[in-house]
Amino acid sequence: MKKRKILIPEPRSRFVRVRCPQCGNEQVIFDHATFPVRCFICGTQLVRSTGGKAIINGEVIKILG
């Protein structure tokens, strides 16, 4: 069988809504973040950069887009 080419490729990166484990604040972040993202309310680090897909420390509520 021949492999079919995807005419319009979809991005592998997404925005996600994450809940902070400390204060419960929800905020939207990029799952391939290149710098550490902190909670707006308490300052807890929610995302740690790895050079590719970031490590998310909070609870993922919803995947957007």
N, C-alpha and C. Protein backbone atom coordinates (compact mmCIF):
# COMPACT_ATOMS: atom_id res chain seq x y z
N MET A 1 0.83 -1.19 0.00
CA MET A 1 0.00 0.00 0.00
C MET A 1 0.87 1.24 0.00
N LYS A 2 0.35 2.24 -0.63
CA LYS A 2 1.06 3.51 -0.71
C LYS A 2 0.62 4.43 0.41
N LYS A 3 1.56 5.12 1.01
CA LYS A 3 1.22 6.06 2.07
C LYS A 3 0.63 7.32 1.46
N ARG A 4 -0.46 7.81 2.03
CA ARG A 4 -1.08 9.03 1.51
C ARG A 4 -0.45 10.25 2.15
N LYS A 5 -0.21 11.26 1.33
CA LYS A 5 0.32 12.51 1.85
C LYS A 5 -0.82 13.32 2.43
N ILE A 6 -0.53 13.97 3.54
CA ILE A 6 -1.52 14.85 4.15
C ILE A 6 -1.43 16.19 3.43
N LEU A 7 -2.53 16.61 2.83
CA LEU A 7 -2.51 17.84 2.05
C LEU A 7 -2.35 19.07 2.93
N ILE A 8 -3.09 19.13 4.03
CA ILE A 8 -3.00 20.25 4.95
C ILE A 8 -2.59 19.69 6.31
N PRO A 9 -1.32 19.79 6.66
CA PRO A 9 -0.88 19.23 7.94
C PRO A 9 -1.43 20.02 9.13
N GLU A 10 -1.77 19.31 10.20
CA GLU A 10 -2.26 19.95 11.41
C GLU A 10 -1.09 20.14 12.37
N PRO A 11 -1.09 21.24 13.12
CA PRO A 11 -0.01 21.46 14.08
C PRO A 11 -0.06 20.47 15.23
N ARG A 12 1.08 20.13 15.76
CA ARG A 12 1.15 19.19 16.89
C ARG A 12 1.05 19.91 18.22
N SER A 13 1.20 21.22 18.20
CA SER A 13 1.15 22.00 19.43
C SER A 13 -0.25 22.57 19.65
N ARG A 14 -0.60 22.74 20.93
CA ARG A 14 -1.94 23.22 21.27
C ARG A 14 -1.87 24.13 22.49
N PHE A 15 -2.94 24.87 22.68
CA PHE A 15 -3.13 25.63 23.90
C PHE A 15 -3.96 24.77 24.84
N VAL A 16 -3.63 24.78 26.12
CA VAL A 16 -4.37 23.99 27.11
C VAL A 16 -4.75 24.86 28.30
N ARG A 17 -5.89 24.54 28.90
CA ARG A 17 -6.31 25.22 30.14
C ARG A 17 -5.84 24.35 31.29
N VAL A 18 -5.06 24.95 32.20
CA VAL A 18 -4.42 24.23 33.30
C VAL A 18 -4.88 24.82 34.63
N ARG A 19 -5.13 23.93 35.61
CA ARG A 19 -5.48 24.36 36.96
C ARG A 19 -4.26 24.27 37.85
N CYS A 20 -3.99 25.34 38.59
CA CYS A 20 -2.84 25.39 39.50
C CYS A 20 -3.07 24.42 40.67
N PRO A 21 -2.06 23.60 41.01
CA PRO A 21 -2.24 22.66 42.12
C PRO A 21 -2.28 23.34 43.50
N GLN A 22 -1.74 24.56 43.61
CA GLN A 22 -1.71 25.25 44.90
C GLN A 22 -2.98 26.04 45.18
N CYS A 23 -3.39 26.92 44.24
CA CYS A 23 -4.50 27.84 44.52
C CYS A 23 -5.76 27.53 43.72
N GLY A 24 -5.69 26.67 42.71
CA GLY A 24 -6.87 26.33 41.92
C GLY A 24 -7.17 27.30 40.79
N ASN A 25 -6.31 28.28 40.56
CA ASN A 25 -6.49 29.23 39.47
C ASN A 25 -6.35 28.51 38.13
N GLU A 26 -7.21 28.85 37.17
CA GLU A 26 -7.12 28.27 35.83
C GLU A 26 -6.57 29.30 34.88
N GLN A 27 -5.61 28.89 34.03
CA GLN A 27 -5.10 29.79 33.00
C GLN A 27 -4.72 28.99 31.77
N VAL A 28 -4.71 29.69 30.64
CA VAL A 28 -4.42 29.07 29.35
C VAL A 28 -2.92 29.19 29.08
N ILE A 29 -2.29 28.06 28.71
CA ILE A 29 -0.87 28.05 28.41
C ILE A 29 -0.63 27.28 27.11
N PHE A 30 0.57 27.42 26.56
CA PHE A 30 0.99 26.73 25.34
C PHE A 30 1.73 25.47 25.75
N ASP A 31 1.38 24.32 25.15
CA ASP A 31 1.99 23.07 25.59
C ASP A 31 3.43 22.87 25.11
N HIS A 32 3.92 23.71 24.20
CA HIS A 32 5.31 23.68 23.76
C HIS A 32 6.01 24.97 24.22
N ALA A 33 5.75 25.37 25.44
CA ALA A 33 6.31 26.63 25.97
C ALA A 33 7.83 26.57 26.01
N THR A 34 8.47 27.69 25.70
CA THR A 34 9.93 27.75 25.67
C THR A 34 10.51 28.40 26.92
N PHE A 35 9.66 28.87 27.81
CA PHE A 35 10.13 29.44 29.06
C PHE A 35 9.17 29.03 30.17
N PRO A 36 9.62 29.01 31.43
CA PRO A 36 8.76 28.58 32.53
C PRO A 36 7.55 29.51 32.70
N VAL A 37 6.38 28.93 32.87
CA VAL A 37 5.15 29.70 33.07
C VAL A 37 4.75 29.57 34.53
N ARG A 38 4.46 30.69 35.17
CA ARG A 38 4.05 30.70 36.57
C ARG A 38 2.59 31.11 36.71
N CYS A 39 1.97 30.68 37.79
CA CYS A 39 0.59 31.04 38.10
C CYS A 39 0.51 32.54 38.38
N PHE A 40 -0.55 33.18 37.85
CA PHE A 40 -0.73 34.62 38.06
C PHE A 40 -1.01 34.95 39.53
N ILE A 41 -1.66 34.05 40.25
CA ILE A 41 -2.10 34.32 41.62
C ILE A 41 -1.00 34.02 42.65
N CYS A 42 -0.51 32.78 42.66
CA CYS A 42 0.42 32.38 43.73
C CYS A 42 1.87 32.26 43.29
N GLY A 43 2.15 32.24 41.98
CA GLY A 43 3.53 32.18 41.50
C GLY A 43 4.11 30.79 41.38
N THR A 44 3.31 29.75 41.55
CA THR A 44 3.78 28.37 41.40
C THR A 44 4.12 28.11 39.93
N GLN A 45 5.20 27.39 39.67
CA GLN A 45 5.60 27.09 38.30
C GLN A 45 4.67 26.02 37.73
N LEU A 46 3.97 26.36 36.65
CA LEU A 46 3.01 25.45 36.02
C LEU A 46 3.63 24.65 34.88
N VAL A 47 4.60 25.24 34.18
CA VAL A 47 5.19 24.59 33.01
C VAL A 47 6.70 24.68 33.08
N ARG A 48 7.36 23.57 32.76
CA ARG A 48 8.82 23.54 32.70
C ARG A 48 9.22 23.19 31.26
N SER A 49 10.07 24.01 30.67
CA SER A 49 10.50 23.83 29.29
C SER A 49 11.47 22.67 29.17
N THR A 50 11.36 21.91 28.07
CA THR A 50 12.28 20.79 27.84
C THR A 50 12.96 20.89 26.48
N GLY A 51 12.63 21.90 25.70
CA GLY A 51 13.19 22.03 24.36
C GLY A 51 12.21 21.53 23.31
N GLY A 52 11.22 20.76 23.70
CA GLY A 52 10.17 20.28 22.81
C GLY A 52 8.85 20.51 23.50
N LYS A 53 8.12 19.41 23.75
CA LYS A 53 6.87 19.52 24.49
C LYS A 53 7.19 19.77 25.96
N ALA A 54 6.55 20.78 26.53
CA ALA A 54 6.85 21.18 27.91
C ALA A 54 6.22 20.22 28.92
N ILE A 55 6.80 20.15 30.11
CA ILE A 55 6.25 19.34 31.20
C ILE A 55 5.27 20.21 31.97
N ILE A 56 4.01 19.77 32.04
CA ILE A 56 2.96 20.54 32.71
C ILE A 56 2.81 20.00 34.12
N ASN A 57 2.99 20.88 35.13
CA ASN A 57 2.92 20.47 36.53
C ASN A 57 1.51 20.53 37.09
N GLY A 58 0.61 21.29 36.47
CA GLY A 58 -0.76 21.41 36.95
C GLY A 58 -1.66 20.37 36.29
N GLU A 59 -2.94 20.44 36.63
CA GLU A 59 -3.94 19.53 36.07
C GLU A 59 -4.49 20.13 34.79
N VAL A 60 -4.44 19.35 33.68
CA VAL A 60 -4.97 19.81 32.40
C VAL A 60 -6.50 19.69 32.44
N ILE A 61 -7.19 20.82 32.29
CA ILE A 61 -8.64 20.84 32.33
C ILE A 61 -9.24 20.60 30.96
N LYS A 62 -8.69 21.31 29.95
CA LYS A 62 -9.26 21.23 28.61
C LYS A 62 -8.18 21.52 27.58
N ILE A 63 -8.23 20.82 26.46
CA ILE A 63 -7.34 21.09 25.34
C ILE A 63 -8.10 21.98 24.37
N LEU A 64 -7.56 23.15 24.08
CA LEU A 64 -8.21 24.13 23.22
C LEU A 64 -7.66 24.03 21.80
N GLY A 65 -8.55 24.19 20.83
CA GLY A 65 -8.14 24.24 19.42
C GLY A 65 -7.67 22.93 18.95
